[in-house]
Amino acid sequence: MVRGKAQMRRIENDTSSNQQTIERYRRHTKDNETNKPIEQNLQHLKAKSANMLKTVEDLEVSRSNKLQLQAFWHM
């Protein structure tokens, strides 16, 4: 079967288009891979921050209780 010039150009354009699509996909997935660890790290830091806040609150309550006991015993 013999292919004409127009048909060969369409095949070349389709091949080029497919290659461009593959390159866009690779760039997109590469960008997503670099963002994923950042998002995971951000979630980890938010959880760590919440834990630290809870610890500070617990320490403040403990300090307040200790001061109240000291005031009671010194009366």
PDB file of N, CA and C in Angstrom:
ATOM      1  N   MET A   1       0.841  -1.170   0.000  1.00  0.00           N
ATOM      2  CA  MET A   1       0.000   0.000   0.000  1.00  0.00           C
ATOM      3  C   MET A   1       0.892   1.242   0.000  1.00  0.00           C
ATOM      4  N   VAL A   2       0.589   2.159  -0.852  1.00  0.00           N
ATOM      5  CA  VAL A   2       1.373   3.374  -1.005  1.00  0.00           C
ATOM      6  C   VAL A   2       0.644   4.517  -0.304  1.00  0.00           C
ATOM      7  N   ARG A   3       1.410   5.270   0.463  1.00  0.00           N
ATOM      8  CA  ARG A   3       0.817   6.420   1.173  1.00  0.00           C
ATOM      9  C   ARG A   3       1.210   7.698   0.467  1.00  0.00           C
ATOM     10  N   GLY A   4       0.280   8.644   0.425  1.00  0.00           N
ATOM     11  CA  GLY A   4       0.536   9.928  -0.213  1.00  0.00           C
ATOM     12  C   GLY A   4       1.224  10.890   0.739  1.00  0.00           C
ATOM     13  N   LYS A   5       1.660  12.032   0.182  1.00  0.00           N
ATOM     14  CA  LYS A   5       2.362  13.036   0.983  1.00  0.00           C
ATOM     15  C   LYS A   5       1.475  13.578   2.105  1.00  0.00           C
ATOM     16  N   ALA A   6       0.236  13.835   1.808  1.00  0.00           N
ATOM     17  CA  ALA A   6      -0.674  14.386   2.816  1.00  0.00           C
ATOM     18  C   ALA A   6      -0.860  13.405   3.967  1.00  0.00           C
ATOM     19  N   GLN A   7      -1.003  12.145   3.637  1.00  0.00           N
ATOM     20  CA  GLN A   7      -1.191  11.130   4.677  1.00  0.00           C
ATOM     21  C   GLN A   7       0.078  10.995   5.524  1.00  0.00           C
ATOM     22  N   MET A   8       1.237  11.056   4.912  1.00  0.00           N
ATOM     23  CA  MET A   8       2.497  10.975   5.649  1.00  0.00           C
ATOM     24  C   MET A   8       2.649  12.177   6.586  1.00  0.00           C
ATOM     25  N   ARG A   9       2.239  13.387   6.138  1.00  0.00           N
ATOM     26  CA  ARG A   9       2.313  14.571   6.990  1.00  0.00           C
ATOM     27  C   ARG A   9       1.400  14.413   8.208  1.00  0.00           C
ATOM     28  N   ARG A  10       0.206  13.867   7.987  1.00  0.00           N
ATOM     29  CA  ARG A  10      -0.708  13.650   9.107  1.00  0.00           C
ATOM     30  C   ARG A  10      -0.101  12.681  10.123  1.00  0.00           C
ATOM     31  N   ILE A  11       0.536  11.645   9.631  1.00  0.00           N
ATOM     32  CA  ILE A  11       1.175  10.675  10.527  1.00  0.00           C
ATOM     33  C   ILE A  11       2.294  11.350  11.307  1.00  0.00           C
ATOM     34  N   GLU A  12       3.106  12.166  10.616  1.00  0.00           N
ATOM     35  CA  GLU A  12       4.202  12.876  11.285  1.00  0.00           C
ATOM     36  C   GLU A  12       3.651  13.848  12.325  1.00  0.00           C
ATOM     37  N   ASN A  13       2.587  14.568  11.993  1.00  0.00           N
ATOM     38  CA  ASN A  13       1.987  15.521  12.934  1.00  0.00           C
ATOM     39  C   ASN A  13       1.407  14.794  14.138  1.00  0.00           C
ATOM     40  N   ASP A  14       0.752  13.663  13.902  1.00  0.00           N
ATOM     41  CA  ASP A  14       0.203  12.883  15.014  1.00  0.00           C
ATOM     42  C   ASP A  14       1.312  12.393  15.927  1.00  0.00           C
ATOM     43  N   THR A  15       2.406  11.944  15.334  1.00  0.00           N
ATOM     44  CA  THR A  15       3.544  11.459  16.122  1.00  0.00           C
ATOM     45  C   THR A  15       4.136  12.605  16.939  1.00  0.00           C
ATOM     46  N   SER A  16       4.290  13.777  16.297  1.00  0.00           N
ATOM     47  CA  SER A  16       4.818  14.946  16.993  1.00  0.00           C
ATOM     48  C   SER A  16       3.885  15.358  18.124  1.00  0.00           C
ATOM     49  N   SER A  17       2.601  15.354  17.850  1.00  0.00           N
ATOM     50  CA  SER A  17       1.606  15.715  18.861  1.00  0.00           C
ATOM     51  C   SER A  17       1.672  14.754  20.040  1.00  0.00           C
ATOM     52  N   ASN A  18       1.815  13.478  19.761  1.00  0.00           N
ATOM     53  CA  ASN A  18       1.916  12.477  20.830  1.00  0.00           C
ATOM     54  C   ASN A  18       3.165  12.709  21.674  1.00  0.00           C
ATOM     55  N   GLN A  19       4.258  13.042  21.022  1.00  0.00           N
ATOM     56  CA  GLN A  19       5.492  13.301  21.763  1.00  0.00           C
ATOM     57  C   GLN A  19       5.342  14.527  22.657  1.00  0.00           C
ATOM     58  N   GLN A  20       4.670  15.570  22.166  1.00  0.00           N
ATOM     59  CA  GLN A  20       4.443  16.761  22.974  1.00  0.00           C
ATOM     60  C   GLN A  20       3.550  16.446  24.165  1.00  0.00           C
ATOM     61  N   THR A  21       2.546  15.635  23.940  1.00  0.00           N
ATOM     62  CA  THR A  21       1.651  15.237  25.022  1.00  0.00           C
ATOM     63  C   THR A  21       2.414  14.455  26.087  1.00  0.00           C
ATOM     64  N   ILE A  22       3.268  13.559  25.660  1.00  0.00           N
ATOM     65  CA  ILE A  22       4.072  12.769  26.600  1.00  0.00           C
ATOM     66  C   ILE A  22       4.993  13.681  27.401  1.00  0.00           C
ATOM     67  N   GLU A  23       5.617  14.657  26.741  1.00  0.00           N
ATOM     68  CA  GLU A  23       6.499  15.590  27.444  1.00  0.00           C
ATOM     69  C   GLU A  23       5.725  16.428  28.466  1.00  0.00           C
ATOM     70  N   ARG A  24       4.527  16.907  28.091  1.00  0.00           N
ATOM     71  CA  ARG A  24       3.699  17.661  29.037  1.00  0.00           C
ATOM     72  C   ARG A  24       3.352  16.786  30.235  1.00  0.00           C
ATOM     73  N   TYR A  25       3.020  15.533  29.977  1.00  0.00           N
ATOM     74  CA  TYR A  25       2.696  14.594  31.063  1.00  0.00           C
ATOM     75  C   TYR A  25       3.901  14.410  31.986  1.00  0.00           C
ATOM     76  N   ARG A  26       5.064  14.224  31.405  1.00  0.00           N
ATOM     77  CA  ARG A  26       6.275  14.029  32.222  1.00  0.00           C
ATOM     78  C   ARG A  26       6.566  15.262  33.084  1.00  0.00           C
ATOM     79  N   ARG A  27       6.431  16.455  32.481  1.00  0.00           N
ATOM     80  CA  ARG A  27       6.665  17.671  33.259  1.00  0.00           C
ATOM     81  C   ARG A  27       5.647  17.790  34.387  1.00  0.00           C
ATOM     82  N   HIS A  28       4.412  17.485  34.086  1.00  0.00           N
ATOM     83  CA  HIS A  28       3.351  17.585  35.090  1.00  0.00           C
ATOM     84  C   HIS A  28       3.578  16.599  36.233  1.00  0.00           C
ATOM     85  N   THR A  29       3.911  15.367  35.911  1.00  0.00           N
ATOM     86  CA  THR A  29       4.125  14.382  36.975  1.00  0.00           C
ATOM     87  C   THR A  29       5.381  14.716  37.765  1.00  0.00           C
ATOM     88  N   LYS A  30       6.384  15.256  37.109  1.00  0.00           N
ATOM     89  CA  LYS A  30       7.603  15.650  37.814  1.00  0.00           C
ATOM     90  C   LYS A  30       7.289  16.767  38.799  1.00  0.00           C
ATOM     91  N   ASP A  31       6.471  17.739  38.383  1.00  0.00           N
ATOM     92  CA  ASP A  31       6.073  18.833  39.273  1.00  0.00           C
ATOM     93  C   ASP A  31       5.284  18.296  40.462  1.00  0.00           C
ATOM     94  N   ASN A  32       4.391  17.369  40.225  1.00  0.00           N
ATOM     95  CA  ASN A  32       3.586  16.809  41.310  1.00  0.00           C
ATOM     96  C   ASN A  32       4.439  16.014  42.282  1.00  0.00           C
ATOM     97  N   GLU A  33       5.454  15.320  41.774  1.00  0.00           N
ATOM     98  CA  GLU A  33       6.332  14.541  42.650  1.00  0.00           C
ATOM     99  C   GLU A  33       7.129  15.459  43.564  1.00  0.00           C
ATOM    100  N   THR A  34       7.537  16.620  43.071  1.00  0.00           N
ATOM    101  CA  THR A  34       8.307  17.526  43.918  1.00  0.00           C
ATOM    102  C   THR A  34       7.406  18.211  44.936  1.00  0.00           C
ATOM    103  N   ASN A  35       6.132  18.408  44.624  1.00  0.00           N
ATOM    104  CA  ASN A  35       5.208  19.052  45.554  1.00  0.00           C
ATOM    105  C   ASN A  35       4.732  18.098  46.634  1.00  0.00           C
ATOM    106  N   LYS A  36       4.694  16.826  46.340  1.00  0.00           N
ATOM    107  CA  LYS A  36       4.158  15.848  47.290  1.00  0.00           C
ATOM    108  C   LYS A  36       4.944  15.830  48.601  1.00  0.00           C
ATOM    109  N   PRO A  37       6.268  15.741  48.562  1.00  0.00           N
ATOM    110  CA  PRO A  37       7.000  15.760  49.836  1.00  0.00           C
ATOM    111  C   PRO A  37       6.796  17.065  50.603  1.00  0.00           C
ATOM    112  N   ILE A  38       6.647  18.168  49.913  1.00  0.00           N
ATOM    113  CA  ILE A  38       6.425  19.455  50.581  1.00  0.00           C
ATOM    114  C   ILE A  38       5.098  19.427  51.327  1.00  0.00           C
ATOM    115  N   GLU A  39       4.057  18.900  50.671  1.00  0.00           N
ATOM    116  CA  GLU A  39       2.746  18.818  51.302  1.00  0.00           C
ATOM    117  C   GLU A  39       2.785  17.887  52.512  1.00  0.00           C
ATOM    118  N   GLN A  40       3.463  16.755  52.364  1.00  0.00           N
ATOM    119  CA  GLN A  40       3.578  15.821  53.486  1.00  0.00           C
ATOM    120  C   GLN A  40       4.336  16.463  54.637  1.00  0.00           C
ATOM    121  N   ASN A  41       5.400  17.178  54.326  1.00  0.00           N
ATOM    122  CA  ASN A  41       6.182  17.848  55.354  1.00  0.00           C
ATOM    123  C   ASN A  41       5.348  18.917  56.044  1.00  0.00           C
ATOM    124  N   LEU A  42       4.548  19.642  55.272  1.00  0.00           N
ATOM    125  CA  LEU A  42       3.689  20.674  55.839  1.00  0.00           C
ATOM    126  C   LEU A  42       2.671  20.063  56.805  1.00  0.00           C
ATOM    127  N   GLN A  43       2.065  18.949  56.414  1.00  0.00           N
ATOM    128  CA  GLN A  43       1.110  18.273  57.286  1.00  0.00           C
ATOM    129  C   GLN A  43       1.798  17.794  58.561  1.00  0.00           C
ATOM    130  N   HIS A  44       3.008  17.270  58.427  1.00  0.00           N
ATOM    131  CA  HIS A  44       3.771  16.807  59.587  1.00  0.00           C
ATOM    132  C   HIS A  44       4.060  17.981  60.527  1.00  0.00           C
ATOM    133  N   LEU A  45       4.457  19.118  59.967  1.00  0.00           N
ATOM    134  CA  LEU A  45       4.768  20.280  60.793  1.00  0.00           C
ATOM    135  C   LEU A  45       3.528  20.836  61.482  1.00  0.00           C
ATOM    136  N   LYS A  46       2.382  20.790  60.794  1.00  0.00           N
ATOM    137  CA  LYS A  46       1.140  21.251  61.417  1.00  0.00           C
ATOM    138  C   LYS A  46       0.779  20.360  62.606  1.00  0.00           C
ATOM    139  N   ALA A  47       0.933  19.052  62.443  1.00  0.00           N
ATOM    140  CA  ALA A  47       0.635  18.124  63.540  1.00  0.00           C
ATOM    141  C   ALA A  47       1.600  18.348  64.699  1.00  0.00           C
ATOM    142  N   LYS A  48       2.866  18.547  64.383  1.00  0.00           N
ATOM    143  CA  LYS A  48       3.872  18.789  65.414  1.00  0.00           C
ATOM    144  C   LYS A  48       3.569  20.092  66.156  1.00  0.00           C
ATOM    145  N   SER A  49       3.158  21.107  65.423  1.00  0.00           N
ATOM    146  CA  SER A  49       2.801  22.385  66.022  1.00  0.00           C
ATOM    147  C   SER A  49       1.608  22.237  66.965  1.00  0.00           C
ATOM    148  N   ALA A  50       0.605  21.469  66.544  1.00  0.00           N
ATOM    149  CA  ALA A  50      -0.569  21.241  67.398  1.00  0.00           C
ATOM    150  C   ALA A  50      -0.164  20.519  68.680  1.00  0.00           C
ATOM    151  N   ASN A  51       0.730  19.541  68.578  1.00  0.00           N
ATOM    152  CA  ASN A  51       1.208  18.821  69.762  1.00  0.00           C
ATOM    153  C   ASN A  51       1.975  19.745  70.699  1.00  0.00           C
ATOM    154  N   MET A  52       2.793  20.625  70.129  1.00  0.00           N
ATOM    155  CA  MET A  52       3.552  21.560  70.954  1.00  0.00           C
ATOM    156  C   MET A  52       2.613  22.535  71.661  1.00  0.00           C
ATOM    157  N   LEU A  53       1.580  22.996  70.964  1.00  0.00           N
ATOM    158  CA  LEU A  53       0.606  23.891  71.566  1.00  0.00           C
ATOM    159  C   LEU A  53      -0.083  23.217  72.741  1.00  0.00           C
ATOM    160  N   LYS A  54      -0.461  21.959  72.588  1.00  0.00           N
ATOM    161  CA  LYS A  54      -1.095  21.200  73.670  1.00  0.00           C
ATOM    162  C   LYS A  54      -0.137  21.062  74.854  1.00  0.00           C
ATOM    163  N   THR A  55       1.127  20.806  74.598  1.00  0.00           N
ATOM    164  CA  THR A  55       2.119  20.686  75.653  1.00  0.00           C
ATOM    165  C   THR A  55       2.270  22.004  76.408  1.00  0.00           C
ATOM    166  N   VAL A  56       2.311  23.120  75.691  1.00  0.00           N
ATOM    167  CA  VAL A  56       2.440  24.435  76.326  1.00  0.00           C
ATOM    168  C   VAL A  56       1.217  24.705  77.203  1.00  0.00           C
ATOM    169  N   GLU A  57       0.033  24.379  76.679  1.00  0.00           N
ATOM    170  CA  GLU A  57      -1.180  24.583  77.468  1.00  0.00           C
ATOM    171  C   GLU A  57      -1.149  23.741  78.739  1.00  0.00           C
ATOM    172  N   ASP A  58      -0.717  22.491  78.626  1.00  0.00           N
ATOM    173  CA  ASP A  58      -0.614  21.618  79.801  1.00  0.00           C
ATOM    174  C   ASP A  58       0.378  22.172  80.821  1.00  0.00           C
ATOM    175  N   LEU A  59       1.499  22.698  80.342  1.00  0.00           N
ATOM    176  CA  LEU A  59       2.493  23.283  81.239  1.00  0.00           C
ATOM    177  C   LEU A  59       1.952  24.525  81.939  1.00  0.00           C
ATOM    178  N   GLU A  60       1.186  25.333  81.228  1.00  0.00           N
ATOM    179  CA  GLU A  60       0.600  26.521  81.838  1.00  0.00           C
ATOM    180  C   GLU A  60      -0.395  26.149  82.930  1.00  0.00           C
ATOM    181  N   VAL A  61      -1.200  25.129  82.675  1.00  0.00           N
ATOM    182  CA  VAL A  61      -2.159  24.659  83.686  1.00  0.00           C
ATOM    183  C   VAL A  61      -1.409  24.130  84.898  1.00  0.00           C
ATOM    184  N   SER A  62      -0.363  23.358  84.651  1.00  0.00           N
ATOM    185  CA  SER A  62       0.423  22.796  85.742  1.00  0.00           C
ATOM    186  C   SER A  62       1.069  23.912  86.569  1.00  0.00           C
ATOM    187  N   ARG A  63       1.610  24.901  85.908  1.00  0.00           N
ATOM    188  CA  ARG A  63       2.247  26.031  86.600  1.00  0.00           C
ATOM    189  C   ARG A  63       1.215  26.786  87.440  1.00  0.00           C
ATOM    190  N   SER A  64       0.047  27.000  86.866  1.00  0.00           N
ATOM    191  CA  SER A  64      -1.012  27.705  87.578  1.00  0.00           C
ATOM    192  C   SER A  64      -1.426  26.934  88.839  1.00  0.00           C
ATOM    193  N   ASN A  65      -1.571  25.625  88.690  1.00  0.00           N
ATOM    194  CA  ASN A  65      -1.932  24.788  89.845  1.00  0.00           C
ATOM    195  C   ASN A  65      -0.857  24.844  90.925  1.00  0.00           C
ATOM    196  N   LYS A  66       0.384  24.825  90.507  1.00  0.00           N
ATOM    197  CA  LYS A  66       1.499  24.859  91.464  1.00  0.00           C
ATOM    198  C   LYS A  66       1.503  26.191  92.220  1.00  0.00           C
ATOM    199  N   LEU A  67       1.278  27.296  91.485  1.00  0.00           N
ATOM    200  CA  LEU A  67       1.246  28.609  92.135  1.00  0.00           C
ATOM    201  C   LEU A  67       0.092  28.710  93.127  1.00  0.00           C
ATOM    202  N   GLN A  68      -1.053  28.139  92.769  1.00  0.00           N
ATOM    203  CA  GLN A  68      -2.198  28.162  93.675  1.00  0.00           C
ATOM    204  C   GLN A  68      -1.900  27.355  94.943  1.00  0.00           C
ATOM    205  N   LEU A  69      -1.240  26.215  94.792  1.00  0.00           N
ATOM    206  CA  LEU A  69      -0.885  25.407  95.967  1.00  0.00           C
ATOM    207  C   LEU A  69       0.101  26.140  96.868  1.00  0.00           C
ATOM    208  N   GLN A  70       1.079  26.806  96.252  1.00  0.00           N
ATOM    209  CA  GLN A  70       2.057  27.552  97.042  1.00  0.00           C
ATOM    210  C   GLN A  70       1.369  28.680  97.805  1.00  0.00           C
ATOM    211  N   ALA A  71       0.436  29.365  97.162  1.00  0.00           N
ATOM    212  CA  ALA A  71      -0.276  30.447  97.827  1.00  0.00           C
ATOM    213  C   ALA A  71      -1.121  29.897  98.965  1.00  0.00           C
ATOM    214  N   PHE A  72      -1.713  28.758  98.800  1.00  0.00           N
ATOM    215  CA  PHE A  72      -2.534  28.143  99.834  1.00  0.00           C
ATOM    216  C   PHE A  72      -1.692  27.775 101.051  1.00  0.00           C
ATOM    217  N   TRP A  73      -0.508  27.214 100.833  1.00  0.00           N
ATOM    218  CA  TRP A  73       0.329  26.761 101.934  1.00  0.00           C
ATOM    219  C   TRP A  73       1.007  27.925 102.659  1.00  0.00           C
ATOM    220  N   HIS A  74       1.130  29.044 102.036  1.00  0.00           N
ATOM    221  CA  HIS A  74       1.784  30.192 102.659  1.00  0.00           C
ATOM    222  C   HIS A  74       0.790  31.109 103.385  1.00  0.00           C
ATOM    223  N   MET A  75      -0.460  30.742 103.413  1.00  0.00           N
ATOM    224  CA  MET A  75      -1.450  31.569 104.107  1.00  0.00           C
ATOM    225  C   MET A  75      -1.372  31.354 105.573  1.00  0.00           C
TER     226      MET A  75
END
